[in-house]
Protein backbone atom coordinates (compact mmCIF):
# COMPACT_ATOMS: atom_id res chain seq x y z
CA UNK A 1 0.00 0.00 0.00
CA UNK A 2 3.00 2.27 0.60
CA UNK A 3 4.21 1.72 -2.97
CA UNK A 4 0.71 2.30 -4.35
CA UNK A 5 0.44 5.62 -2.51
CA UNK A 6 3.93 6.58 -3.65
CA UNK A 7 2.94 5.79 -7.23
CA UNK A 8 -0.18 7.96 -6.91
CA UNK A 9 2.03 10.79 -5.67
CA UNK A 10 4.32 10.48 -8.67
CA UNK A 11 1.34 10.45 -11.04
CA UNK A 12 -0.08 13.54 -9.31
CA UNK A 13 3.29 15.26 -9.66
CA UNK A 14 3.34 14.53 -13.37
CA UNK A 15 -0.11 16.10 -13.55
CA UNK A 16 1.25 19.21 -11.82
CA UNK A 17 3.80 19.65 -14.59
CA UNK A 18 1.62 18.64 -17.56
CA UNK A 19 -1.99 17.65 -18.20
CA UNK A 20 -3.59 18.81 -14.90
CA UNK A 21 -1.63 22.01 -14.43
CA UNK A 22 -4.64 24.32 -14.91
CA UNK A 23 -6.73 22.24 -12.48
CA UNK A 24 -4.04 22.48 -9.83
CA UNK A 25 -3.71 26.24 -10.40
CA UNK A 26 -7.46 26.62 -9.91
CA UNK A 27 -7.13 24.96 -6.53
CA UNK A 28 -4.46 27.32 -5.13
CA UNK A 29 -6.16 29.62 -2.58
CA UNK A 30 -6.14 33.31 -3.51
CA UNK A 31 -4.62 34.27 -0.15
CA UNK A 32 -1.32 32.52 -0.93
CA UNK A 33 1.10 35.35 -1.78
CA UNK A 34 2.83 33.50 -4.61
CA UNK A 35 2.05 33.07 -8.29
CA UNK A 36 -0.33 30.13 -8.68
CA UNK A 37 1.85 28.42 -11.29
CA UNK A 38 4.87 28.62 -8.97
CA UNK A 39 2.85 27.00 -6.17
CA UNK A 40 1.79 24.22 -8.55
CA UNK A 41 5.37 23.61 -9.68
CA UNK A 42 6.73 23.62 -6.11
CA UNK A 43 4.02 21.30 -4.86
CA UNK A 44 4.69 19.04 -7.85
CA UNK A 45 8.37 18.87 -6.89
CA UNK A 46 7.34 18.02 -3.32
CA UNK A 47 4.93 15.35 -4.55
CA UNK A 48 7.41 13.63 -6.84
CA UNK A 49 10.03 13.72 -4.07
CA UNK A 50 7.62 12.26 -1.53
CA UNK A 51 6.36 9.66 -4.01
CA UNK A 52 9.88 8.48 -4.77
CA UNK A 53 10.75 8.47 -1.07
CA UNK A 54 7.64 6.40 -0.29
CA UNK A 55 8.74 3.78 -2.80
CA UNK A 56 12.51 3.70 -2.43
CA UNK A 57 13.59 5.20 0.92
CA UNK A 58 12.45 2.24 2.98
CA UNK A 59 14.95 2.72 5.80
CA UNK A 60 13.29 6.06 6.59
CA UNK A 61 9.72 5.07 5.78
CA UNK A 62 8.33 6.15 9.17
CA UNK A 63 9.77 9.64 8.75
CA UNK A 64 8.62 9.80 5.13
CA UNK A 65 5.10 8.79 6.19
CA UNK A 66 5.00 11.56 8.76
CA UNK A 67 6.26 14.12 6.24
CA UNK A 68 3.70 12.98 3.66
CA UNK A 69 0.89 13.20 6.23
CA UNK A 70 2.00 16.75 7.10
CA UNK A 71 2.07 17.59 3.38
CA UNK A 72 -1.53 16.40 3.06
CA UNK A 73 -2.50 18.63 5.97
CA UNK A 74 -0.72 21.60 4.38
CA UNK A 75 -2.46 21.23 1.02
CA UNK A 76 -5.90 20.71 2.55
CA UNK A 77 -6.66 24.47 2.48
CA UNK A 78 -6.58 24.20 -1.33
CA UNK A 79 -9.36 21.62 -1.20
CA UNK A 80 -11.32 23.78 1.22
CA UNK A 81 -10.84 26.83 -1.01
CA UNK A 82 -12.05 24.86 -4.01
CA UNK A 83 -15.22 23.98 -2.10
CA UNK A 84 -15.77 27.43 -0.58
CA UNK A 85 -15.20 29.26 -3.88
CA UNK A 86 -17.12 26.76 -5.99
CA UNK A 87 -14.12 26.29 -8.28
CA UNK A 88 -14.44 23.62 -10.95
CA UNK A 89 -11.33 21.45 -11.24
CA UNK A 90 -10.54 17.75 -11.55
CA UNK A 91 -14.07 17.08 -12.79
CA UNK A 92 -15.52 18.37 -9.53
CA UNK A 93 -18.18 20.72 -10.83
CA UNK A 94 -20.81 20.58 -8.10
CA UNK A 95 -20.75 21.64 -4.48
CA UNK A 96 -21.64 18.08 -3.49
CA UNK A 97 -18.67 16.55 -5.34
CA UNK A 98 -16.29 19.17 -3.92
CA UNK A 99 -17.64 18.53 -0.40
CA UNK A 100 -17.27 14.75 -0.74
CA UNK A 101 -13.66 15.26 -1.80
CA UNK A 102 -12.92 16.97 1.51
CA UNK A 103 -13.58 13.70 3.32
CA UNK A 104 -10.89 11.90 1.33
CA UNK A 105 -8.02 14.02 2.67
CA UNK A 106 -8.14 12.38 6.13
CA UNK A 107 -8.12 9.00 4.37
CA UNK A 108 -4.88 9.98 2.60
CA UNK A 109 -3.37 11.13 5.90
CA UNK A 110 -4.21 7.84 7.61
CA UNK A 111 -3.02 5.87 4.54
CA UNK A 112 0.36 7.64 4.66
CA UNK A 113 0.78 6.96 8.36
CA UNK A 114 -0.51 3.37 8.29
CA UNK A 115 1.36 2.21 5.17
CA UNK A 116 4.70 3.43 6.49
CA UNK A 117 4.30 1.86 9.93
CA UNK A 118 3.92 5.09 11.90
CA UNK A 119 1.07 3.72 14.03
CA UNK A 120 3.06 0.54 14.78
CA UNK A 121 6.14 2.64 15.58
CA UNK A 122 4.17 4.78 18.04
CA UNK A 123 2.64 1.68 19.67
CA UNK A 124 6.06 0.10 20.09
CA UNK A 125 7.53 3.29 21.57
CA UNK A 126 4.70 3.49 24.11
CA UNK A 127 5.24 -0.12 25.12
CA UNK A 128 8.99 0.36 25.61
C-alpha atoms as a PDB file:
ATOM      1  CA  UNK A   1       0.000   0.000   0.000  1.00  0.00           C
ATOM      2  CA  UNK A   2       2.995   2.267   0.598  1.00  0.00           C
ATOM      3  CA  UNK A   3       4.205   1.722  -2.968  1.00  0.00           C
ATOM      4  CA  UNK A   4       0.705   2.303  -4.349  1.00  0.00           C
ATOM      5  CA  UNK A   5       0.438   5.621  -2.505  1.00  0.00           C
ATOM      6  CA  UNK A   6       3.927   6.578  -3.651  1.00  0.00           C
ATOM      7  CA  UNK A   7       2.939   5.793  -7.230  1.00  0.00           C
ATOM      8  CA  UNK A   8      -0.178   7.959  -6.907  1.00  0.00           C
ATOM      9  CA  UNK A   9       2.027  10.787  -5.668  1.00  0.00           C
ATOM     10  CA  UNK A  10       4.323  10.480  -8.673  1.00  0.00           C
ATOM     11  CA  UNK A  11       1.337  10.451 -11.039  1.00  0.00           C
ATOM     12  CA  UNK A  12      -0.082  13.542  -9.313  1.00  0.00           C
ATOM     13  CA  UNK A  13       3.291  15.259  -9.662  1.00  0.00           C
ATOM     14  CA  UNK A  14       3.341  14.530 -13.374  1.00  0.00           C
ATOM     15  CA  UNK A  15      -0.113  16.099 -13.549  1.00  0.00           C
ATOM     16  CA  UNK A  16       1.251  19.212 -11.823  1.00  0.00           C
ATOM     17  CA  UNK A  17       3.796  19.651 -14.588  1.00  0.00           C
ATOM     18  CA  UNK A  18       1.623  18.644 -17.556  1.00  0.00           C
ATOM     19  CA  UNK A  19      -1.988  17.653 -18.199  1.00  0.00           C
ATOM     20  CA  UNK A  20      -3.589  18.813 -14.904  1.00  0.00           C
ATOM     21  CA  UNK A  21      -1.632  22.011 -14.427  1.00  0.00           C
ATOM     22  CA  UNK A  22      -4.640  24.317 -14.908  1.00  0.00           C
ATOM     23  CA  UNK A  23      -6.730  22.244 -12.485  1.00  0.00           C
ATOM     24  CA  UNK A  24      -4.037  22.481  -9.828  1.00  0.00           C
ATOM     25  CA  UNK A  25      -3.708  26.240 -10.402  1.00  0.00           C
ATOM     26  CA  UNK A  26      -7.462  26.621  -9.906  1.00  0.00           C
ATOM     27  CA  UNK A  27      -7.127  24.964  -6.526  1.00  0.00           C
ATOM     28  CA  UNK A  28      -4.463  27.320  -5.127  1.00  0.00           C
ATOM     29  CA  UNK A  29      -6.156  29.621  -2.584  1.00  0.00           C
ATOM     30  CA  UNK A  30      -6.140  33.306  -3.508  1.00  0.00           C
ATOM     31  CA  UNK A  31      -4.618  34.271  -0.147  1.00  0.00           C
ATOM     32  CA  UNK A  32      -1.319  32.516  -0.926  1.00  0.00           C
ATOM     33  CA  UNK A  33       1.102  35.348  -1.779  1.00  0.00           C
ATOM     34  CA  UNK A  34       2.832  33.500  -4.611  1.00  0.00           C
ATOM     35  CA  UNK A  35       2.048  33.075  -8.290  1.00  0.00           C
ATOM     36  CA  UNK A  36      -0.326  30.132  -8.680  1.00  0.00           C
ATOM     37  CA  UNK A  37       1.850  28.421 -11.289  1.00  0.00           C
ATOM     38  CA  UNK A  38       4.867  28.616  -8.970  1.00  0.00           C
ATOM     39  CA  UNK A  39       2.849  27.004  -6.174  1.00  0.00           C
ATOM     40  CA  UNK A  40       1.786  24.223  -8.551  1.00  0.00           C
ATOM     41  CA  UNK A  41       5.371  23.606  -9.681  1.00  0.00           C
ATOM     42  CA  UNK A  42       6.730  23.618  -6.113  1.00  0.00           C
ATOM     43  CA  UNK A  43       4.016  21.298  -4.857  1.00  0.00           C
ATOM     44  CA  UNK A  44       4.693  19.039  -7.852  1.00  0.00           C
ATOM     45  CA  UNK A  45       8.370  18.874  -6.888  1.00  0.00           C
ATOM     46  CA  UNK A  46       7.335  18.015  -3.321  1.00  0.00           C
ATOM     47  CA  UNK A  47       4.932  15.346  -4.550  1.00  0.00           C
ATOM     48  CA  UNK A  48       7.412  13.628  -6.841  1.00  0.00           C
ATOM     49  CA  UNK A  49      10.028  13.716  -4.074  1.00  0.00           C
ATOM     50  CA  UNK A  50       7.617  12.263  -1.532  1.00  0.00           C
ATOM     51  CA  UNK A  51       6.365   9.660  -4.005  1.00  0.00           C
ATOM     52  CA  UNK A  52       9.884   8.476  -4.773  1.00  0.00           C
ATOM     53  CA  UNK A  53      10.751   8.469  -1.074  1.00  0.00           C
ATOM     54  CA  UNK A  54       7.642   6.402  -0.292  1.00  0.00           C
ATOM     55  CA  UNK A  55       8.741   3.785  -2.804  1.00  0.00           C
ATOM     56  CA  UNK A  56      12.511   3.705  -2.432  1.00  0.00           C
ATOM     57  CA  UNK A  57      13.587   5.196   0.917  1.00  0.00           C
ATOM     58  CA  UNK A  58      12.447   2.240   2.981  1.00  0.00           C
ATOM     59  CA  UNK A  59      14.952   2.723   5.797  1.00  0.00           C
ATOM     60  CA  UNK A  60      13.288   6.062   6.587  1.00  0.00           C
ATOM     61  CA  UNK A  61       9.720   5.068   5.778  1.00  0.00           C
ATOM     62  CA  UNK A  62       8.329   6.155   9.172  1.00  0.00           C
ATOM     63  CA  UNK A  63       9.767   9.642   8.751  1.00  0.00           C
ATOM     64  CA  UNK A  64       8.624   9.797   5.128  1.00  0.00           C
ATOM     65  CA  UNK A  65       5.101   8.787   6.188  1.00  0.00           C
ATOM     66  CA  UNK A  66       5.001  11.562   8.758  1.00  0.00           C
ATOM     67  CA  UNK A  67       6.255  14.124   6.242  1.00  0.00           C
ATOM     68  CA  UNK A  68       3.695  12.984   3.661  1.00  0.00           C
ATOM     69  CA  UNK A  69       0.887  13.203   6.233  1.00  0.00           C
ATOM     70  CA  UNK A  70       1.998  16.748   7.101  1.00  0.00           C
ATOM     71  CA  UNK A  71       2.071  17.587   3.381  1.00  0.00           C
ATOM     72  CA  UNK A  72      -1.526  16.397   3.056  1.00  0.00           C
ATOM     73  CA  UNK A  73      -2.500  18.629   5.970  1.00  0.00           C
ATOM     74  CA  UNK A  74      -0.722  21.600   4.381  1.00  0.00           C
ATOM     75  CA  UNK A  75      -2.464  21.233   1.020  1.00  0.00           C
ATOM     76  CA  UNK A  76      -5.901  20.713   2.551  1.00  0.00           C
ATOM     77  CA  UNK A  77      -6.665  24.471   2.481  1.00  0.00           C
ATOM     78  CA  UNK A  78      -6.581  24.200  -1.332  1.00  0.00           C
ATOM     79  CA  UNK A  79      -9.356  21.621  -1.198  1.00  0.00           C
ATOM     80  CA  UNK A  80     -11.323  23.780   1.220  1.00  0.00           C
ATOM     81  CA  UNK A  81     -10.835  26.830  -1.008  1.00  0.00           C
ATOM     82  CA  UNK A  82     -12.053  24.864  -4.015  1.00  0.00           C
ATOM     83  CA  UNK A  83     -15.222  23.985  -2.102  1.00  0.00           C
ATOM     84  CA  UNK A  84     -15.771  27.432  -0.581  1.00  0.00           C
ATOM     85  CA  UNK A  85     -15.198  29.261  -3.880  1.00  0.00           C
ATOM     86  CA  UNK A  86     -17.123  26.760  -5.991  1.00  0.00           C
ATOM     87  CA  UNK A  87     -14.116  26.293  -8.279  1.00  0.00           C
ATOM     88  CA  UNK A  88     -14.445  23.625 -10.946  1.00  0.00           C
ATOM     89  CA  UNK A  89     -11.333  21.451 -11.237  1.00  0.00           C
ATOM     90  CA  UNK A  90     -10.539  17.749 -11.551  1.00  0.00           C
ATOM     91  CA  UNK A  91     -14.073  17.081 -12.792  1.00  0.00           C
ATOM     92  CA  UNK A  92     -15.518  18.367  -9.534  1.00  0.00           C
ATOM     93  CA  UNK A  93     -18.177  20.720 -10.830  1.00  0.00           C
ATOM     94  CA  UNK A  94     -20.808  20.580  -8.100  1.00  0.00           C
ATOM     95  CA  UNK A  95     -20.748  21.643  -4.478  1.00  0.00           C
ATOM     96  CA  UNK A  96     -21.638  18.083  -3.489  1.00  0.00           C
ATOM     97  CA  UNK A  97     -18.668  16.553  -5.338  1.00  0.00           C
ATOM     98  CA  UNK A  98     -16.293  19.167  -3.920  1.00  0.00           C
ATOM     99  CA  UNK A  99     -17.642  18.527  -0.402  1.00  0.00           C
ATOM    100  CA  UNK A 100     -17.274  14.754  -0.738  1.00  0.00           C
ATOM    101  CA  UNK A 101     -13.661  15.258  -1.802  1.00  0.00           C
ATOM    102  CA  UNK A 102     -12.918  16.968   1.512  1.00  0.00           C
ATOM    103  CA  UNK A 103     -13.580  13.700   3.322  1.00  0.00           C
ATOM    104  CA  UNK A 104     -10.888  11.898   1.331  1.00  0.00           C
ATOM    105  CA  UNK A 105      -8.021  14.018   2.672  1.00  0.00           C
ATOM    106  CA  UNK A 106      -8.139  12.383   6.133  1.00  0.00           C
ATOM    107  CA  UNK A 107      -8.116   9.001   4.369  1.00  0.00           C
ATOM    108  CA  UNK A 108      -4.884   9.980   2.602  1.00  0.00           C
ATOM    109  CA  UNK A 109      -3.367  11.126   5.902  1.00  0.00           C
ATOM    110  CA  UNK A 110      -4.210   7.838   7.612  1.00  0.00           C
ATOM    111  CA  UNK A 111      -3.016   5.869   4.544  1.00  0.00           C
ATOM    112  CA  UNK A 112       0.359   7.644   4.657  1.00  0.00           C
ATOM    113  CA  UNK A 113       0.784   6.956   8.363  1.00  0.00           C
ATOM    114  CA  UNK A 114      -0.506   3.368   8.285  1.00  0.00           C
ATOM    115  CA  UNK A 115       1.355   2.214   5.174  1.00  0.00           C
ATOM    116  CA  UNK A 116       4.698   3.434   6.494  1.00  0.00           C
ATOM    117  CA  UNK A 117       4.301   1.862   9.929  1.00  0.00           C
ATOM    118  CA  UNK A 118       3.920   5.092  11.897  1.00  0.00           C
ATOM    119  CA  UNK A 119       1.075   3.718  14.028  1.00  0.00           C
ATOM    120  CA  UNK A 120       3.058   0.543  14.779  1.00  0.00           C
ATOM    121  CA  UNK A 121       6.141   2.641  15.583  1.00  0.00           C
ATOM    122  CA  UNK A 122       4.166   4.783  18.045  1.00  0.00           C
ATOM    123  CA  UNK A 123       2.641   1.685  19.670  1.00  0.00           C
ATOM    124  CA  UNK A 124       6.064   0.097  20.091  1.00  0.00           C
ATOM    125  CA  UNK A 125       7.526   3.287  21.574  1.00  0.00           C
ATOM    126  CA  UNK A 126       4.703   3.488  24.111  1.00  0.00           C
ATOM    127  CA  UNK A 127       5.236  -0.124  25.125  1.00  0.00           C
ATOM    128  CA  UNK A 128       8.989   0.363  25.614  1.00  0.00           C
END
